[in-house]
Amino acid sequence: MRKIRPYIVCSDGKGNLYEDRTLYAAGRSGFDFIPLYLHQMIEVPEGSDMFELPGRAAVGFNAQGYPGISTEGIAAASFIAPAYTQLHL
């Protein structure tokens, strides 16, 4: 299986989200940043919210696998709908 690396998502500060194609998505495992792959992700469930994180930098991995900070925009995050996680109890 080919591992597809999604790009990080940033905000323009006006409520618009877009991919920053200079960095690949990263996640956290304890204190470590780790690369994320498309097969590990789900679509954002209905009822979830997306947020801009003003004053915070979007981080990811460059094409060489080194951590980097986006210069393209503001960090963004998703809050998964609580009802979605309750379905899996």
N, C-alpha and C. Protein backbone atom coordinates (compact mmCIF):
# COMPACT_ATOMS: atom_id res chain seq x y z
N MET A 1 0.85 -1.18 0.00
CA MET A 1 0.00 0.00 0.00
C MET A 1 0.89 1.25 0.00
N ARG A 2 0.58 2.16 -0.88
CA ARG A 2 1.31 3.42 -0.95
C ARG A 2 0.81 4.35 0.15
N LYS A 3 1.74 4.89 0.93
CA LYS A 3 1.36 5.80 2.01
C LYS A 3 1.26 7.22 1.48
N ILE A 4 0.07 7.79 1.55
CA ILE A 4 -0.17 9.15 1.07
C ILE A 4 -0.05 10.11 2.25
N ARG A 5 0.76 11.14 2.07
CA ARG A 5 0.98 12.13 3.13
C ARG A 5 0.16 13.39 2.83
N PRO A 6 -0.86 13.66 3.62
CA PRO A 6 -1.66 14.87 3.40
C PRO A 6 -0.90 16.12 3.84
N TYR A 7 -1.27 17.24 3.26
CA TYR A 7 -0.68 18.53 3.62
C TYR A 7 -1.32 19.07 4.89
N ILE A 8 -0.64 20.00 5.55
CA ILE A 8 -1.24 20.65 6.72
C ILE A 8 -2.33 21.61 6.26
N VAL A 9 -3.24 21.92 7.16
CA VAL A 9 -4.33 22.86 6.88
C VAL A 9 -4.11 24.12 7.69
N CYS A 10 -4.21 25.27 7.04
CA CYS A 10 -4.04 26.57 7.68
C CYS A 10 -5.29 27.42 7.45
N SER A 11 -5.36 28.51 8.16
CA SER A 11 -6.43 29.49 8.00
C SER A 11 -5.83 30.80 7.53
N ASP A 12 -6.61 31.56 6.78
CA ASP A 12 -6.14 32.87 6.33
C ASP A 12 -6.49 33.98 7.31
N GLY A 13 -7.08 33.64 8.46
CA GLY A 13 -7.47 34.64 9.44
C GLY A 13 -8.84 35.24 9.19
N LYS A 14 -9.49 34.82 8.10
CA LYS A 14 -10.83 35.32 7.74
C LYS A 14 -11.85 34.19 7.71
N GLY A 15 -11.49 33.05 8.30
CA GLY A 15 -12.41 31.92 8.34
C GLY A 15 -12.28 30.94 7.19
N ASN A 16 -11.32 31.16 6.31
CA ASN A 16 -11.11 30.27 5.17
C ASN A 16 -9.96 29.31 5.46
N LEU A 17 -10.18 28.02 5.18
CA LEU A 17 -9.15 27.01 5.38
C LEU A 17 -8.57 26.60 4.03
N TYR A 18 -7.29 26.25 4.03
CA TYR A 18 -6.64 25.80 2.80
C TYR A 18 -5.43 24.94 3.15
N GLU A 19 -4.94 24.18 2.18
CA GLU A 19 -3.74 23.37 2.36
C GLU A 19 -2.51 24.23 2.16
N ASP A 20 -1.55 24.07 3.04
CA ASP A 20 -0.21 24.65 2.84
C ASP A 20 0.61 23.52 2.23
N ARG A 21 0.86 23.60 0.93
CA ARG A 21 1.53 22.52 0.22
C ARG A 21 3.05 22.51 0.39
N THR A 22 3.55 23.28 1.34
CA THR A 22 4.99 23.24 1.64
C THR A 22 5.30 22.28 2.78
N LEU A 23 4.25 21.85 3.52
CA LEU A 23 4.47 20.96 4.68
C LEU A 23 3.43 19.85 4.71
N TYR A 24 3.87 18.69 5.16
CA TYR A 24 2.97 17.54 5.34
C TYR A 24 2.46 17.49 6.77
N ALA A 25 1.27 16.90 6.95
CA ALA A 25 0.60 16.85 8.25
C ALA A 25 1.44 16.13 9.30
N ALA A 26 1.32 16.64 10.53
CA ALA A 26 2.01 16.06 11.68
C ALA A 26 1.02 15.87 12.82
N GLY A 27 1.29 14.91 13.66
CA GLY A 27 0.49 14.67 14.85
C GLY A 27 1.40 14.61 16.06
N ARG A 28 0.82 14.38 17.22
CA ARG A 28 1.60 14.28 18.45
C ARG A 28 1.42 12.90 19.06
N SER A 29 2.50 12.38 19.58
CA SER A 29 2.49 11.14 20.36
C SER A 29 3.37 11.43 21.57
N GLY A 30 2.73 11.74 22.69
CA GLY A 30 3.51 12.18 23.85
C GLY A 30 4.16 13.52 23.54
N PHE A 31 5.47 13.59 23.66
CA PHE A 31 6.21 14.81 23.37
C PHE A 31 6.72 14.86 21.93
N ASP A 32 6.48 13.82 21.16
CA ASP A 32 7.04 13.71 19.82
C ASP A 32 6.06 14.14 18.74
N PHE A 33 6.59 14.78 17.70
CA PHE A 33 5.82 15.04 16.48
C PHE A 33 6.04 13.85 15.57
N ILE A 34 4.96 13.35 14.99
CA ILE A 34 5.06 12.20 14.09
C ILE A 34 4.35 12.51 12.78
N PRO A 35 4.81 11.92 11.67
CA PRO A 35 4.11 12.14 10.40
C PRO A 35 2.76 11.44 10.40
N LEU A 36 1.78 12.05 9.74
CA LEU A 36 0.46 11.45 9.59
C LEU A 36 0.27 11.01 8.14
N TYR A 37 -0.45 9.92 7.97
CA TYR A 37 -0.73 9.38 6.64
C TYR A 37 -2.24 9.30 6.43
N LEU A 38 -2.66 9.43 5.19
CA LEU A 38 -4.08 9.48 4.87
C LEU A 38 -4.84 8.25 5.37
N HIS A 39 -4.23 7.07 5.29
CA HIS A 39 -4.94 5.85 5.72
C HIS A 39 -5.19 5.83 7.23
N GLN A 40 -4.56 6.72 7.99
CA GLN A 40 -4.76 6.79 9.44
C GLN A 40 -5.87 7.77 9.81
N MET A 41 -6.40 8.48 8.84
CA MET A 41 -7.35 9.57 9.11
C MET A 41 -8.77 9.19 8.72
N ILE A 42 -9.72 9.96 9.25
CA ILE A 42 -11.13 9.85 8.87
C ILE A 42 -11.58 11.21 8.36
N GLU A 43 -12.69 11.23 7.64
CA GLU A 43 -13.29 12.52 7.27
C GLU A 43 -13.82 13.17 8.54
N VAL A 44 -13.82 14.48 8.57
CA VAL A 44 -14.35 15.20 9.74
C VAL A 44 -15.85 14.92 9.80
N PRO A 45 -16.33 14.31 10.90
CA PRO A 45 -17.74 13.95 10.99
C PRO A 45 -18.66 15.17 11.02
N GLU A 46 -19.89 14.97 10.55
CA GLU A 46 -20.90 16.02 10.61
C GLU A 46 -21.08 16.46 12.07
N GLY A 47 -21.22 17.77 12.27
CA GLY A 47 -21.39 18.31 13.61
C GLY A 47 -20.08 18.71 14.27
N SER A 48 -18.96 18.44 13.60
CA SER A 48 -17.65 18.85 14.13
C SER A 48 -17.41 20.31 13.81
N ASP A 49 -16.48 20.92 14.50
CA ASP A 49 -16.14 22.32 14.28
C ASP A 49 -14.68 22.46 13.89
N MET A 50 -14.43 23.44 13.04
CA MET A 50 -13.06 23.80 12.67
C MET A 50 -12.76 25.15 13.31
N PHE A 51 -11.53 25.30 13.77
CA PHE A 51 -11.13 26.51 14.47
C PHE A 51 -9.84 27.07 13.90
N GLU A 52 -9.75 28.40 13.91
CA GLU A 52 -8.47 29.09 13.72
C GLU A 52 -7.82 29.16 15.09
N LEU A 53 -6.51 29.10 15.12
CA LEU A 53 -5.77 29.20 16.38
C LEU A 53 -4.84 30.42 16.31
N PRO A 54 -5.40 31.63 16.47
CA PRO A 54 -4.60 32.85 16.35
C PRO A 54 -3.40 32.82 17.31
N GLY A 55 -2.30 33.31 16.82
CA GLY A 55 -1.09 33.37 17.63
C GLY A 55 -0.33 32.05 17.69
N ARG A 56 -0.82 31.04 16.96
CA ARG A 56 -0.14 29.74 16.97
C ARG A 56 0.32 29.41 15.56
N ALA A 57 1.44 28.75 15.50
CA ALA A 57 2.01 28.38 14.21
C ALA A 57 1.55 26.99 13.80
N ALA A 58 1.29 26.82 12.53
CA ALA A 58 0.99 25.49 11.98
C ALA A 58 2.33 24.79 11.73
N VAL A 59 2.44 23.56 12.21
CA VAL A 59 3.69 22.81 12.05
C VAL A 59 3.45 21.55 11.25
N GLY A 60 4.47 21.09 10.58
CA GLY A 60 4.39 19.87 9.79
C GLY A 60 5.79 19.41 9.44
N PHE A 61 5.88 18.53 8.47
CA PHE A 61 7.17 18.01 8.01
C PHE A 61 7.41 18.44 6.57
N ASN A 62 8.65 18.83 6.26
CA ASN A 62 8.97 19.20 4.88
C ASN A 62 9.22 17.93 4.07
N ALA A 63 9.50 18.08 2.79
CA ALA A 63 9.67 16.94 1.89
C ALA A 63 10.85 16.05 2.29
N GLN A 64 11.82 16.60 3.02
CA GLN A 64 12.97 15.82 3.48
C GLN A 64 12.71 15.13 4.81
N GLY A 65 11.52 15.36 5.41
CA GLY A 65 11.17 14.70 6.66
C GLY A 65 11.54 15.47 7.92
N TYR A 66 11.96 16.73 7.75
CA TYR A 66 12.31 17.55 8.91
C TYR A 66 11.12 18.40 9.34
N PRO A 67 10.97 18.63 10.65
CA PRO A 67 9.88 19.50 11.12
C PRO A 67 10.05 20.92 10.61
N GLY A 68 8.93 21.57 10.35
CA GLY A 68 8.96 22.95 9.89
C GLY A 68 7.73 23.70 10.35
N ILE A 69 7.81 25.02 10.29
CA ILE A 69 6.72 25.91 10.68
C ILE A 69 6.21 26.61 9.43
N SER A 70 4.90 26.63 9.26
CA SER A 70 4.29 27.26 8.09
C SER A 70 4.44 28.77 8.15
N THR A 71 4.75 29.34 7.01
CA THR A 71 4.77 30.80 6.87
C THR A 71 3.56 31.25 6.06
N GLU A 72 2.67 30.31 5.73
CA GLU A 72 1.53 30.57 4.86
C GLU A 72 0.29 31.10 5.57
N GLY A 73 0.12 30.78 6.85
CA GLY A 73 -1.11 31.20 7.51
C GLY A 73 -1.14 30.85 8.98
N ILE A 74 -2.34 30.85 9.54
CA ILE A 74 -2.59 30.60 10.95
C ILE A 74 -2.91 29.12 11.15
N ALA A 75 -2.48 28.56 12.27
CA ALA A 75 -2.79 27.17 12.58
C ALA A 75 -4.30 26.97 12.67
N ALA A 76 -4.75 25.78 12.29
CA ALA A 76 -6.17 25.43 12.35
C ALA A 76 -6.31 24.08 13.04
N ALA A 77 -7.48 23.84 13.61
CA ALA A 77 -7.73 22.58 14.31
C ALA A 77 -9.17 22.15 14.13
N SER A 78 -9.43 20.88 14.36
CA SER A 78 -10.77 20.33 14.30
C SER A 78 -11.16 19.80 15.67
N PHE A 79 -12.41 20.06 16.07
CA PHE A 79 -12.98 19.49 17.29
C PHE A 79 -14.03 18.49 16.84
N ILE A 80 -13.75 17.22 17.06
CA ILE A 80 -14.66 16.16 16.62
C ILE A 80 -15.95 16.21 17.43
N ALA A 81 -17.08 16.09 16.74
CA ALA A 81 -18.39 16.11 17.39
C ALA A 81 -18.45 15.05 18.50
N PRO A 82 -18.84 15.46 19.72
CA PRO A 82 -18.91 14.49 20.83
C PRO A 82 -19.80 13.30 20.52
N ALA A 83 -20.88 13.50 19.79
CA ALA A 83 -21.79 12.40 19.46
C ALA A 83 -21.08 11.34 18.62
N TYR A 84 -20.11 11.74 17.81
CA TYR A 84 -19.39 10.78 16.98
C TYR A 84 -18.61 9.80 17.85
N THR A 85 -17.91 10.31 18.84
CA THR A 85 -17.12 9.42 19.70
C THR A 85 -18.01 8.57 20.59
N GLN A 86 -19.20 9.04 20.94
CA GLN A 86 -20.11 8.25 21.76
C GLN A 86 -20.62 7.02 21.01
N LEU A 87 -20.66 7.09 19.69
CA LEU A 87 -21.12 5.94 18.91
C LEU A 87 -20.17 4.76 19.03
N HIS A 88 -18.94 5.00 19.41
CA HIS A 88 -17.93 3.94 19.44
C HIS A 88 -17.64 3.44 20.84
N LEU A 89 -18.52 3.70 21.81
CA LEU A 89 -18.32 3.21 23.18
C LEU A 89 -18.67 1.75 23.30
